[in-house]
Amino acid sequence: MIRIQAVHKKQYPELLAVWEASVRATHHFLSKADIAFLKPLILERYFDAVDLRYAVDENNRVLGFVGVAEDKIEMLFIAPEHRGKGIGTLLTDHAVRQQGATRVDVNEQNPQAVGFYHHLGFRTAGRSATDGQGKPFPLLHLELRRT
């Protein structure tokens, strides 16, 4: 049975390990230097800037996590060994229904993520040529399609 729970600061190192493994498995456009640059920012700034929830199994293993700020999913990362098992959908649904998320930015160079969000009803509303740090990693700005 999978549970979604609020995150406590003491769990940040475990979430950071999931983040790094997920990024290495899905963000092939990032170099080792890019990941090394982002890693302390994730741990020291970005985790604290969002409402973090994580999915755990019956053995309390972290399967993935989502971070929401205001109405925007700022981060969604799934442990590589748990990708394709519905964890991302479960966390996104939680972010939308419980945390009020209606928007997400996704790296254009990560077509699996773009397809995932489109499948869940998000539509592309805009594009930026650079990411939040001004690096040349284009972002697609997605919004949840209203029904």
C-alpha atoms as a PDB file:
ATOM      1  CA  MET A   1       0.000   0.000   0.000  1.00  0.00           C
ATOM      2  CA  ILE A   2       1.309   3.425  -0.969  1.00  0.00           C
ATOM      3  CA  ARG A   3       0.884   6.400   1.345  1.00  0.00           C
ATOM      4  CA  ILE A   4       1.450  10.082   0.624  1.00  0.00           C
ATOM      5  CA  GLN A   5       2.799  12.017   3.568  1.00  0.00           C
ATOM      6  CA  ALA A   6       4.206  15.412   4.456  1.00  0.00           C
ATOM      7  CA  VAL A   7       7.992  15.614   4.491  1.00  0.00           C
ATOM      8  CA  HIS A   8      10.100  16.499   7.531  1.00  0.00           C
ATOM      9  CA  LYS A   9      13.521  18.124   7.195  1.00  0.00           C
ATOM     10  CA  LYS A  10      15.255  15.017   8.537  1.00  0.00           C
ATOM     11  CA  GLN A  11      14.086  13.224   5.363  1.00  0.00           C
ATOM     12  CA  TYR A  12      15.745  15.709   2.997  1.00  0.00           C
ATOM     13  CA  PRO A  13      18.887  13.587   2.460  1.00  0.00           C
ATOM     14  CA  GLU A  14      16.774  10.612   1.388  1.00  0.00           C
ATOM     15  CA  LEU A  15      14.749  12.821  -0.964  1.00  0.00           C
ATOM     16  CA  LEU A  16      17.956  14.283  -2.362  1.00  0.00           C
ATOM     17  CA  ALA A  17      19.149  10.758  -3.192  1.00  0.00           C
ATOM     18  CA  VAL A  18      15.865  10.110  -5.031  1.00  0.00           C
ATOM     19  CA  TRP A  19      16.211  13.450  -6.826  1.00  0.00           C
ATOM     20  CA  GLU A  20      19.755  12.669  -7.984  1.00  0.00           C
ATOM     21  CA  ALA A  21      18.948   9.136  -9.145  1.00  0.00           C
ATOM     22  CA  SER A  22      15.865  10.375 -10.972  1.00  0.00           C
ATOM     23  CA  VAL A  23      17.718  13.243 -12.645  1.00  0.00           C
ATOM     24  CA  ARG A  24      20.514  10.933 -13.785  1.00  0.00           C
ATOM     25  CA  ALA A  25      17.905   8.551 -15.256  1.00  0.00           C
ATOM     26  CA  THR A  26      15.765  11.159 -17.018  1.00  0.00           C
ATOM     27  CA  HIS A  27      17.626  14.448 -17.516  1.00  0.00           C
ATOM     28  CA  HIS A  28      20.244  13.282 -20.010  1.00  0.00           C
ATOM     29  CA  PHE A  29      20.808  16.856 -21.164  1.00  0.00           C
ATOM     30  CA  LEU A  30      22.356  17.765 -17.790  1.00  0.00           C
ATOM     31  CA  SER A  31      26.063  17.288 -17.306  1.00  0.00           C
ATOM     32  CA  LYS A  32      27.673  15.989 -14.120  1.00  0.00           C
ATOM     33  CA  ALA A  33      28.693  19.593 -13.410  1.00  0.00           C
ATOM     34  CA  ASP A  34      25.083  20.762 -13.806  1.00  0.00           C
ATOM     35  CA  ILE A  35      23.897  18.130 -11.329  1.00  0.00           C
ATOM     36  CA  ALA A  36      26.688  19.030  -8.893  1.00  0.00           C
ATOM     37  CA  PHE A  37      25.671  22.699  -9.180  1.00  0.00           C
ATOM     38  CA  LEU A  38      21.995  21.946  -8.505  1.00  0.00           C
ATOM     39  CA  LYS A  39      22.417  19.415  -5.706  1.00  0.00           C
ATOM     40  CA  PRO A  40      23.206  21.839  -2.849  1.00  0.00           C
ATOM     41  CA  LEU A  41      20.532  24.255  -4.106  1.00  0.00           C
ATOM     42  CA  ILE A  42      17.933  21.500  -3.953  1.00  0.00           C
ATOM     43  CA  LEU A  43      18.935  20.531  -0.419  1.00  0.00           C
ATOM     44  CA  GLU A  44      19.557  23.991   1.047  1.00  0.00           C
ATOM     45  CA  ARG A  45      16.963  26.153  -0.740  1.00  0.00           C
ATOM     46  CA  TYR A  46      14.460  24.474  -3.008  1.00  0.00           C
ATOM     47  CA  PHE A  47      13.092  21.838  -0.620  1.00  0.00           C
ATOM     48  CA  ASP A  48      12.267  24.593   1.894  1.00  0.00           C
ATOM     49  CA  ALA A  49      10.558  26.708  -0.785  1.00  0.00           C
ATOM     50  CA  VAL A  50       7.794  24.175  -1.514  1.00  0.00           C
ATOM     51  CA  ASP A  51       5.111  22.141   0.201  1.00  0.00           C
ATOM     52  CA  LEU A  52       6.758  18.709  -0.054  1.00  0.00           C
ATOM     53  CA  ARG A  53       4.880  15.409  -0.032  1.00  0.00           C
ATOM     54  CA  TYR A  54       6.333  12.004  -0.628  1.00  0.00           C
ATOM     55  CA  ALA A  55       5.056   8.566  -1.518  1.00  0.00           C
ATOM     56  CA  VAL A  56       6.192   5.635   0.587  1.00  0.00           C
ATOM     57  CA  ASP A  57       5.483   1.932   0.405  1.00  0.00           C
ATOM     58  CA  GLU A  58       4.558  -0.428   3.237  1.00  0.00           C
ATOM     59  CA  ASN A  59       8.253  -0.626   4.192  1.00  0.00           C
ATOM     60  CA  ASN A  60       8.541   3.194   4.369  1.00  0.00           C
ATOM     61  CA  ARG A  61      10.776   3.308   1.278  1.00  0.00           C
ATOM     62  CA  VAL A  62      10.544   6.617  -0.556  1.00  0.00           C
ATOM     63  CA  LEU A  63       9.129   5.997  -4.030  1.00  0.00           C
ATOM     64  CA  GLY A  64       9.010   9.618  -5.150  1.00  0.00           C
ATOM     65  CA  PHE A  65       8.050  13.129  -4.110  1.00  0.00           C
ATOM     66  CA  VAL A  66       6.290  16.267  -5.270  1.00  0.00           C
ATOM     67  CA  GLY A  67       6.826  19.887  -4.248  1.00  0.00           C
ATOM     68  CA  VAL A  68       4.203  22.583  -4.791  1.00  0.00           C
ATOM     69  CA  ALA A  69       4.449  26.354  -4.325  1.00  0.00           C
ATOM     70  CA  GLU A  70       1.261  28.360  -4.665  1.00  0.00           C
ATOM     71  CA  ASP A  71      -0.500  26.693  -7.619  1.00  0.00           C
ATOM     72  CA  LYS A  72       2.572  25.256  -9.324  1.00  0.00           C
ATOM     73  CA  ILE A  73       4.268  21.878  -9.220  1.00  0.00           C
ATOM     74  CA  GLU A  74       7.896  22.901  -8.780  1.00  0.00           C
ATOM     75  CA  MET A  75       9.325  19.403  -8.540  1.00  0.00           C
ATOM     76  CA  LEU A  76       8.206  15.853  -9.172  1.00  0.00           C
ATOM     77  CA  PHE A  77      10.783  13.087  -8.997  1.00  0.00           C
ATOM     78  CA  ILE A  78      10.315   9.338  -8.900  1.00  0.00           C
ATOM     79  CA  ALA A  79      12.944   6.784  -7.862  1.00  0.00           C
ATOM     80  CA  PRO A  80      14.099   5.170 -11.133  1.00  0.00           C
ATOM     81  CA  GLU A  81      13.165   1.662 -10.016  1.00  0.00           C
ATOM     82  CA  HIS A  82       9.581   2.853  -9.422  1.00  0.00           C
ATOM     83  CA  ARG A  83       9.025   4.752 -12.665  1.00  0.00           C
ATOM     84  CA  GLY A  84       6.136   3.569 -14.801  1.00  0.00           C
ATOM     85  CA  LYS A  85       4.204   2.181 -11.828  1.00  0.00           C
ATOM     86  CA  GLY A  86       1.743   5.035 -11.310  1.00  0.00           C
ATOM     87  CA  ILE A  87       3.659   6.868  -8.568  1.00  0.00           C
ATOM     88  CA  GLY A  88       4.031  10.044 -10.640  1.00  0.00           C
ATOM     89  CA  THR A  89       0.339  10.025 -11.499  1.00  0.00           C
ATOM     90  CA  LEU A  90      -0.572   9.472  -7.848  1.00  0.00           C
ATOM     91  CA  LEU A  91       1.663  12.341  -6.678  1.00  0.00           C
ATOM     92  CA  THR A  92       0.474  14.676  -9.435  1.00  0.00           C
ATOM     93  CA  ASP A  93      -3.152  13.903  -8.628  1.00  0.00           C
ATOM     94  CA  HIS A  94      -2.415  14.670  -4.978  1.00  0.00           C
ATOM     95  CA  ALA A  95      -0.718  17.938  -5.950  1.00  0.00           C
ATOM     96  CA  VAL A  96      -3.729  18.973  -8.015  1.00  0.00           C
ATOM     97  CA  ARG A  97      -6.489  17.834  -5.651  1.00  0.00           C
ATOM     98  CA  GLN A  98      -4.902  18.470  -2.247  1.00  0.00           C
ATOM     99  CA  GLN A  99      -2.291  21.160  -2.865  1.00  0.00           C
ATOM    100  CA  GLY A 100      -4.111  23.225  -5.510  1.00  0.00           C
ATOM    101  CA  ALA A 101      -1.590  22.800  -8.333  1.00  0.00           C
ATOM    102  CA  THR A 102      -2.718  23.864 -11.812  1.00  0.00           C
ATOM    103  CA  ARG A 103       0.629  24.675 -13.444  1.00  0.00           C
ATOM    104  CA  VAL A 104       4.038  23.109 -14.005  1.00  0.00           C
ATOM    105  CA  ASP A 105       7.205  23.990 -15.900  1.00  0.00           C
ATOM    106  CA  VAL A 106       8.915  21.069 -17.595  1.00  0.00           C
ATOM    107  CA  ASN A 107      12.232  20.808 -19.401  1.00  0.00           C
ATOM    108  CA  GLU A 108      11.559  20.723 -23.117  1.00  0.00           C
ATOM    109  CA  GLN A 109      14.536  18.366 -23.425  1.00  0.00           C
ATOM    110  CA  ASN A 110      12.722  15.785 -21.280  1.00  0.00           C
ATOM    111  CA  PRO A 111      10.077  14.488 -23.724  1.00  0.00           C
ATOM    112  CA  GLN A 112       8.929  11.745 -21.340  1.00  0.00           C
ATOM    113  CA  ALA A 113       7.969  14.356 -18.755  1.00  0.00           C
ATOM    114  CA  VAL A 114       6.258  16.520 -21.371  1.00  0.00           C
ATOM    115  CA  GLY A 115       4.241  13.508 -22.560  1.00  0.00           C
ATOM    116  CA  PHE A 116       3.422  12.519 -18.983  1.00  0.00           C
ATOM    117  CA  TYR A 117       1.928  15.906 -18.136  1.00  0.00           C
ATOM    118  CA  HIS A 118       0.086  16.160 -21.461  1.00  0.00           C
ATOM    119  CA  HIS A 119      -1.406  12.718 -20.771  1.00  0.00           C
ATOM    120  CA  LEU A 120      -2.668  14.002 -17.410  1.00  0.00           C
ATOM    121  CA  GLY A 121      -4.455  16.946 -19.030  1.00  0.00           C
ATOM    122  CA  PHE A 122      -1.875  19.715 -18.872  1.00  0.00           C
ATOM    123  CA  ARG A 123      -1.468  21.822 -22.012  1.00  0.00           C
ATOM    124  CA  THR A 124       1.440  23.949 -23.181  1.00  0.00           C
ATOM    125  CA  ALA A 125       0.750  27.610 -22.462  1.00  0.00           C
ATOM    126  CA  GLY A 126       4.190  29.072 -23.167  1.00  0.00           C
ATOM    127  CA  ARG A 127       7.913  28.519 -23.463  1.00  0.00           C
ATOM    128  CA  SER A 128      11.112  30.023 -22.056  1.00  0.00           C
ATOM    129  CA  ALA A 129      14.498  29.615 -23.728  1.00  0.00           C
ATOM    130  CA  THR A 130      16.260  29.228 -20.375  1.00  0.00           C
ATOM    131  CA  ASP A 131      15.604  27.594 -17.022  1.00  0.00           C
ATOM    132  CA  GLY A 132      15.217  29.311 -13.648  1.00  0.00           C
ATOM    133  CA  GLN A 133      18.979  29.773 -13.310  1.00  0.00           C
ATOM    134  CA  GLY A 134      19.235  31.328 -16.770  1.00  0.00           C
ATOM    135  CA  LYS A 135      20.904  28.222 -18.220  1.00  0.00           C
ATOM    136  CA  PRO A 136      20.117  27.167 -21.797  1.00  0.00           C
ATOM    137  CA  PHE A 137      17.621  24.470 -20.858  1.00  0.00           C
ATOM    138  CA  PRO A 138      14.282  25.508 -22.416  1.00  0.00           C
ATOM    139  CA  LEU A 139      11.165  25.194 -20.302  1.00  0.00           C
ATOM    140  CA  LEU A 140       7.616  24.550 -21.401  1.00  0.00           C
ATOM    141  CA  HIS A 141       5.019  26.242 -19.204  1.00  0.00           C
ATOM    142  CA  LEU A 142       2.060  23.909 -18.812  1.00  0.00           C
ATOM    143  CA  GLU A 143      -1.384  24.559 -17.385  1.00  0.00           C
ATOM    144  CA  LEU A 144      -4.030  22.097 -16.381  1.00  0.00           C
ATOM    145  CA  ARG A 145      -6.745  22.004 -19.017  1.00  0.00           C
ATOM    146  CA  ARG A 146     -10.070  23.069 -17.559  1.00  0.00           C
ATOM    147  CA  THR A 147     -12.976  20.726 -18.211  1.00  0.00           C
END
